């Protein structure tokens, strides 16, 4: 027969959590708060000497794109496309670094798959 409930591995509703469980729950709360806060933080990448800027939040959501009208040339759409790709990729890299910087103190530098 299994040993469910033995050794304090499972907690009965209404029973106080074991000291280790309280620490885990506290860490989970801190991680959730940090992840939520990342949605409010933004990074902006600018390429082409200011021709294109992309703003992204800590959830890697694109928030804004600014394009200098001087780079909108119907004869050279490819250059604008390249600038957009470069700006987006730079903003994504900056956003990932932001996430790592905010989460590292909570995870002790561990790379936890699926966490961020």
N, C-alpha and C. Protein backbone atom coordinates (compact mmCIF):
# COMPACT_ATOMS: atom_id res chain seq x y z
N UNK A 1 0.84 -1.16 0.00
CA UNK A 1 0.00 0.00 0.00
C UNK A 1 0.89 1.24 0.00
N UNK A 2 0.46 2.31 -0.69
CA UNK A 2 1.26 3.52 -0.81
C UNK A 2 1.34 4.28 0.50
N UNK A 3 2.25 5.20 0.53
CA UNK A 3 2.47 5.96 1.77
C UNK A 3 1.99 7.40 1.62
N UNK A 4 0.89 7.59 0.93
CA UNK A 4 0.36 8.94 0.77
C UNK A 4 0.11 9.57 2.13
N UNK A 5 0.55 10.78 2.28
CA UNK A 5 0.29 11.49 3.52
C UNK A 5 1.34 11.25 4.58
N UNK A 6 2.18 10.24 4.46
CA UNK A 6 3.21 9.98 5.47
C UNK A 6 4.41 10.88 5.20
N UNK A 7 5.08 11.23 6.23
CA UNK A 7 6.31 12.01 6.07
C UNK A 7 6.05 13.48 5.80
N UNK A 8 4.81 13.94 5.91
CA UNK A 8 4.52 15.35 5.74
C UNK A 8 4.57 15.83 4.30
N UNK A 9 4.53 14.92 3.35
CA UNK A 9 4.61 15.34 1.96
C UNK A 9 3.33 16.02 1.49
N UNK A 10 2.22 15.64 2.02
CA UNK A 10 0.95 16.22 1.62
C UNK A 10 0.34 16.93 2.81
N UNK A 11 -0.31 18.02 2.53
CA UNK A 11 -0.87 18.84 3.60
C UNK A 11 -2.38 18.75 3.57
N UNK A 12 -2.94 18.54 4.71
CA UNK A 12 -4.39 18.50 4.85
C UNK A 12 -4.91 19.93 4.86
N UNK A 13 -6.05 20.19 4.23
CA UNK A 13 -6.61 21.54 4.26
C UNK A 13 -6.79 22.01 5.69
N UNK A 14 -6.42 23.25 5.93
CA UNK A 14 -6.56 23.82 7.26
C UNK A 14 -5.38 23.56 8.18
N UNK A 15 -4.48 22.68 7.76
CA UNK A 15 -3.31 22.36 8.59
C UNK A 15 -2.19 23.33 8.22
N UNK A 16 -1.40 23.74 9.18
CA UNK A 16 -0.29 24.65 8.86
C UNK A 16 0.74 23.96 7.96
N UNK A 17 1.36 24.76 7.10
CA UNK A 17 2.36 24.22 6.19
C UNK A 17 3.66 23.96 6.95
N UNK A 18 4.39 22.97 6.50
CA UNK A 18 5.70 22.69 7.05
C UNK A 18 6.62 23.86 6.73
N UNK A 19 7.68 24.09 7.52
CA UNK A 19 8.56 25.22 7.26
C UNK A 19 9.09 25.26 5.82
N UNK A 20 9.45 24.14 5.27
CA UNK A 20 9.94 24.10 3.89
C UNK A 20 8.86 24.47 2.89
N UNK A 21 7.63 24.05 3.15
CA UNK A 21 6.53 24.38 2.26
C UNK A 21 6.24 25.87 2.28
N UNK A 22 6.34 26.49 3.47
CA UNK A 22 6.12 27.94 3.56
C UNK A 22 7.14 28.69 2.72
N UNK A 23 8.38 28.23 2.74
CA UNK A 23 9.42 28.87 1.94
C UNK A 23 9.14 28.71 0.46
N UNK A 24 8.69 27.54 0.06
CA UNK A 24 8.36 27.31 -1.35
C UNK A 24 7.19 28.18 -1.77
N UNK A 25 6.16 28.25 -0.93
CA UNK A 25 5.00 29.09 -1.25
C UNK A 25 5.40 30.55 -1.34
N UNK A 26 6.28 30.99 -0.44
CA UNK A 26 6.76 32.38 -0.46
C UNK A 26 7.54 32.65 -1.74
N UNK A 27 8.39 31.72 -2.13
CA UNK A 27 9.15 31.87 -3.36
C UNK A 27 8.21 31.91 -4.57
N UNK A 28 7.20 31.05 -4.58
CA UNK A 28 6.23 31.06 -5.68
C UNK A 28 5.53 32.42 -5.75
N UNK A 29 5.15 32.96 -4.61
CA UNK A 29 4.49 34.28 -4.59
C UNK A 29 5.42 35.36 -5.11
N UNK A 30 6.69 35.29 -4.72
CA UNK A 30 7.67 36.28 -5.18
C UNK A 30 7.88 36.17 -6.69
N UNK A 31 7.95 34.93 -7.19
CA UNK A 31 8.12 34.72 -8.63
C UNK A 31 6.93 35.24 -9.40
N UNK A 32 5.73 34.98 -8.91
CA UNK A 32 4.52 35.46 -9.60
C UNK A 32 4.48 36.98 -9.60
N UNK A 33 4.85 37.60 -8.49
CA UNK A 33 4.86 39.06 -8.41
C UNK A 33 5.90 39.64 -9.37
N UNK A 34 7.07 39.00 -9.44
CA UNK A 34 8.12 39.47 -10.35
C UNK A 34 7.69 39.33 -11.80
N UNK A 35 7.04 38.21 -12.13
CA UNK A 35 6.57 38.02 -13.50
C UNK A 35 5.51 39.05 -13.86
N UNK A 36 4.63 39.34 -12.93
CA UNK A 36 3.60 40.34 -13.17
C UNK A 36 4.23 41.72 -13.38
N UNK A 37 5.21 42.06 -12.56
CA UNK A 37 5.89 43.35 -12.68
C UNK A 37 6.61 43.49 -14.01
N UNK A 38 7.11 42.38 -14.54
CA UNK A 38 7.81 42.43 -15.83
C UNK A 38 6.89 42.91 -16.95
N UNK A 39 5.60 42.70 -16.81
CA UNK A 39 4.66 43.19 -17.81
C UNK A 39 4.59 44.70 -17.86
N UNK A 40 5.01 45.35 -16.77
CA UNK A 40 4.99 46.80 -16.69
C UNK A 40 6.32 47.43 -17.11
N UNK A 41 7.39 46.63 -17.11
CA UNK A 41 8.70 47.16 -17.47
C UNK A 41 8.91 47.04 -18.98
N UNK A 42 9.56 48.04 -19.56
CA UNK A 42 9.79 48.01 -21.00
C UNK A 42 11.25 48.25 -21.32
N UNK A 43 11.62 47.80 -22.50
CA UNK A 43 12.93 48.08 -23.08
C UNK A 43 12.68 48.65 -24.48
N UNK A 44 13.58 49.49 -24.93
CA UNK A 44 13.45 50.07 -26.27
C UNK A 44 14.77 49.87 -27.01
N UNK A 45 14.65 49.31 -28.21
CA UNK A 45 15.82 49.14 -29.07
C UNK A 45 15.68 50.09 -30.25
N UNK A 46 16.77 50.78 -30.54
CA UNK A 46 16.78 51.73 -31.65
C UNK A 46 17.89 51.33 -32.62
N UNK A 47 17.56 51.28 -33.89
CA UNK A 47 18.53 50.91 -34.92
C UNK A 47 18.53 51.94 -36.04
N UNK A 48 19.54 51.84 -36.88
CA UNK A 48 19.63 52.72 -38.04
C UNK A 48 19.80 54.18 -37.66
N UNK A 49 20.55 54.42 -36.59
CA UNK A 49 20.79 55.80 -36.17
C UNK A 49 19.51 56.51 -35.74
N UNK A 50 18.57 55.75 -35.19
CA UNK A 50 17.32 56.35 -34.71
C UNK A 50 16.19 56.22 -35.72
N UNK A 51 16.44 55.54 -36.83
CA UNK A 51 15.42 55.41 -37.87
C UNK A 51 14.23 54.58 -37.41
N UNK A 52 14.50 53.52 -36.63
CA UNK A 52 13.43 52.64 -36.16
C UNK A 52 13.67 52.34 -34.68
N UNK A 53 12.59 52.44 -33.89
CA UNK A 53 12.64 52.07 -32.48
C UNK A 53 11.51 51.10 -32.19
N UNK A 54 11.83 50.10 -31.40
CA UNK A 54 10.84 49.09 -31.01
C UNK A 54 10.84 49.02 -29.49
N UNK A 55 9.65 49.07 -28.90
CA UNK A 55 9.49 48.96 -27.45
C UNK A 55 8.77 47.66 -27.13
N UNK A 56 9.32 46.93 -26.17
CA UNK A 56 8.78 45.63 -25.78
C UNK A 56 8.76 45.56 -24.26
N UNK A 57 7.80 44.82 -23.71
CA UNK A 57 7.77 44.68 -22.26
C UNK A 57 8.47 43.39 -21.83
N UNK A 58 8.51 43.16 -20.53
CA UNK A 58 9.19 41.99 -19.99
C UNK A 58 8.50 40.68 -20.27
N UNK A 59 7.31 40.72 -20.84
CA UNK A 59 6.62 39.50 -21.28
C UNK A 59 6.88 39.23 -22.76
N UNK A 60 7.81 39.96 -23.33
CA UNK A 60 8.15 39.89 -24.74
C UNK A 60 6.97 40.23 -25.65
N UNK A 61 6.15 41.17 -25.19
CA UNK A 61 5.05 41.67 -26.00
C UNK A 61 5.49 42.98 -26.64
N UNK A 62 5.25 43.11 -27.93
CA UNK A 62 5.58 44.33 -28.66
C UNK A 62 4.61 45.41 -28.24
N UNK A 63 5.12 46.55 -27.78
CA UNK A 63 4.27 47.63 -27.30
C UNK A 63 4.21 48.81 -28.26
N UNK A 64 5.30 49.08 -28.97
CA UNK A 64 5.31 50.23 -29.87
C UNK A 64 6.41 50.09 -30.91
N UNK A 65 6.14 50.66 -32.07
CA UNK A 65 7.14 50.78 -33.13
C UNK A 65 7.11 52.23 -33.59
N UNK A 66 8.29 52.85 -33.66
CA UNK A 66 8.39 54.21 -34.17
C UNK A 66 9.31 54.18 -35.39
N UNK A 67 8.85 54.78 -36.46
CA UNK A 67 9.61 54.81 -37.70
C UNK A 67 9.77 56.27 -38.12
N UNK A 68 11.00 56.66 -38.33
CA UNK A 68 11.29 58.00 -38.83
C UNK A 68 10.76 58.08 -40.27
N UNK A 69 9.91 59.03 -40.56
CA UNK A 69 9.35 59.13 -41.92
C UNK A 69 10.41 59.23 -43.02
N UNK A 70 11.60 59.69 -42.66
CA UNK A 70 12.67 59.82 -43.67
C UNK A 70 13.12 58.47 -44.21
N UNK A 71 12.89 57.37 -43.45
CA UNK A 71 13.33 56.06 -43.93
C UNK A 71 12.22 55.31 -44.68
N UNK A 72 11.08 55.95 -44.82
CA UNK A 72 9.99 55.32 -45.56
C UNK A 72 10.16 55.71 -47.03
N UNK A 73 10.82 54.83 -47.75
CA UNK A 73 11.11 55.04 -49.16
C UNK A 73 10.44 53.93 -49.96
N UNK A 74 9.43 54.25 -50.76
CA UNK A 74 8.74 53.21 -51.53
C UNK A 74 9.68 52.45 -52.47
N UNK A 75 10.81 53.06 -52.79
CA UNK A 75 11.77 52.41 -53.68
C UNK A 75 12.70 51.44 -52.91
N UNK A 76 12.70 51.53 -51.59
CA UNK A 76 13.60 50.68 -50.80
C UNK A 76 12.88 50.14 -49.56
N UNK A 77 11.81 49.43 -49.78
CA UNK A 77 11.04 48.85 -48.69
C UNK A 77 11.87 47.80 -47.96
N UNK A 78 12.75 47.13 -48.67
CA UNK A 78 13.57 46.08 -48.06
C UNK A 78 14.43 46.62 -46.93
N UNK A 79 14.97 47.83 -47.08
CA UNK A 79 15.79 48.41 -46.02
C UNK A 79 14.95 48.62 -44.76
N UNK A 80 13.73 49.13 -44.91
CA UNK A 80 12.85 49.34 -43.76
C UNK A 80 12.52 48.01 -43.10
N UNK A 81 12.27 47.01 -43.90
CA UNK A 81 11.98 45.68 -43.35
C UNK A 81 13.17 45.16 -42.54
N UNK A 82 14.36 45.32 -43.08
CA UNK A 82 15.57 44.89 -42.38
C UNK A 82 15.75 45.64 -41.05
N UNK A 83 15.47 46.94 -41.06
CA UNK A 83 15.58 47.74 -39.84
C UNK A 83 14.56 47.26 -38.79
N UNK A 84 13.36 46.96 -39.24
CA UNK A 84 12.33 46.47 -38.31
C UNK A 84 12.74 45.14 -37.68
N UNK A 85 13.26 44.24 -38.50
CA UNK A 85 13.69 42.94 -37.98
C UNK A 85 14.83 43.13 -36.97
N UNK A 86 15.79 43.97 -37.32
CA UNK A 86 16.93 44.21 -36.42
C UNK A 86 16.46 44.83 -35.11
N UNK A 87 15.55 45.80 -35.17
CA UNK A 87 15.06 46.46 -33.96
C UNK A 87 14.26 45.48 -33.10
N UNK A 88 13.42 44.68 -33.73
CA UNK A 88 12.63 43.71 -32.98
C UNK A 88 13.54 42.69 -32.29
N UNK A 89 14.51 42.17 -33.01
CA UNK A 89 15.42 41.18 -32.41
C UNK A 89 16.24 41.77 -31.27
N UNK A 90 16.67 43.02 -31.41
CA UNK A 90 17.42 43.67 -30.34
C UNK A 90 16.53 43.90 -29.12
N UNK A 91 15.29 44.33 -29.34
CA UNK A 91 14.36 44.53 -28.22
C UNK A 91 14.07 43.20 -27.52
N UNK A 92 13.93 42.14 -28.28
CA UNK A 92 13.69 40.82 -27.70
C UNK A 92 14.87 40.39 -26.84
N UNK A 93 16.08 40.60 -27.33
CA UNK A 93 17.28 40.25 -26.57
C UNK A 93 17.35 41.07 -25.28
N UNK A 94 17.04 42.36 -25.36
CA UNK A 94 17.06 43.22 -24.18
C UNK A 94 15.98 42.79 -23.18
N UNK A 95 14.82 42.42 -23.69
CA UNK A 95 13.73 41.98 -22.81
C UNK A 95 14.10 40.69 -22.09
N UNK A 96 14.74 39.77 -22.79
CA UNK A 96 15.18 38.53 -22.15
C UNK A 96 16.21 38.80 -21.06
N UNK A 97 17.12 39.73 -21.32
CA UNK A 97 18.11 40.09 -20.31
C UNK A 97 17.44 40.72 -19.10
N UNK A 98 16.41 41.53 -19.35
CA UNK A 98 15.66 42.13 -18.25
C UNK A 98 15.01 41.05 -17.39
N UNK A 99 14.40 40.07 -18.03
CA UNK A 99 13.76 38.97 -17.31
C UNK A 99 14.80 38.22 -16.47
N UNK A 100 15.92 37.89 -17.07
CA UNK A 100 16.97 37.18 -16.35
C UNK A 100 17.45 37.98 -15.14
N UNK A 101 17.63 39.28 -15.33
CA UNK A 101 18.11 40.14 -14.25
C UNK A 101 17.11 40.21 -13.10
N UNK A 102 15.82 40.26 -13.43
CA UNK A 102 14.79 40.37 -12.39
C UNK A 102 14.54 39.03 -11.69
N UNK A 103 14.71 37.93 -12.40
CA UNK A 103 14.41 36.62 -11.83
C UNK A 103 15.62 35.98 -11.15
N UNK A 104 16.82 36.34 -11.54
CA UNK A 104 18.02 35.71 -10.99
C UNK A 104 18.08 35.75 -9.47
N UNK A 105 17.73 36.88 -8.83
CA UNK A 105 17.79 36.87 -7.36
C UNK A 105 16.82 35.86 -6.73
N UNK A 106 15.73 35.58 -7.42
CA UNK A 106 14.73 34.65 -6.87
C UNK A 106 15.05 33.20 -7.17
N UNK A 107 15.70 32.96 -8.31
CA UNK A 107 15.97 31.58 -8.71
C UNK A 107 17.40 31.17 -8.40
N UNK A 108 18.19 32.08 -7.87
CA UNK A 108 19.58 31.76 -7.57
C UNK A 108 20.39 31.49 -8.82
N UNK A 109 19.95 32.06 -9.95
CA UNK A 109 20.67 31.87 -11.20
C UNK A 109 20.33 30.57 -11.91
N UNK A 110 19.43 29.78 -11.35
CA UNK A 110 19.04 28.53 -12.00
C UNK A 110 18.21 28.82 -13.24
N UNK A 111 18.42 28.05 -14.28
CA UNK A 111 17.59 28.17 -15.48
C UNK A 111 16.48 27.15 -15.35
N UNK A 112 15.30 27.61 -14.98
CA UNK A 112 14.17 26.72 -14.77
C UNK A 112 13.31 26.76 -16.04
N UNK A 113 13.30 25.67 -16.83
CA UNK A 113 12.55 25.65 -18.08
C UNK A 113 11.08 26.01 -17.86
N UNK A 114 10.58 26.87 -18.74
CA UNK A 114 9.17 27.25 -18.67
C UNK A 114 8.86 28.36 -17.69
N UNK A 115 9.84 28.75 -16.87
CA UNK A 115 9.58 29.78 -15.88
C UNK A 115 9.56 31.16 -16.53
N UNK A 116 10.53 31.40 -17.42
CA UNK A 116 10.57 32.68 -18.10
C UNK A 116 11.24 32.54 -19.44
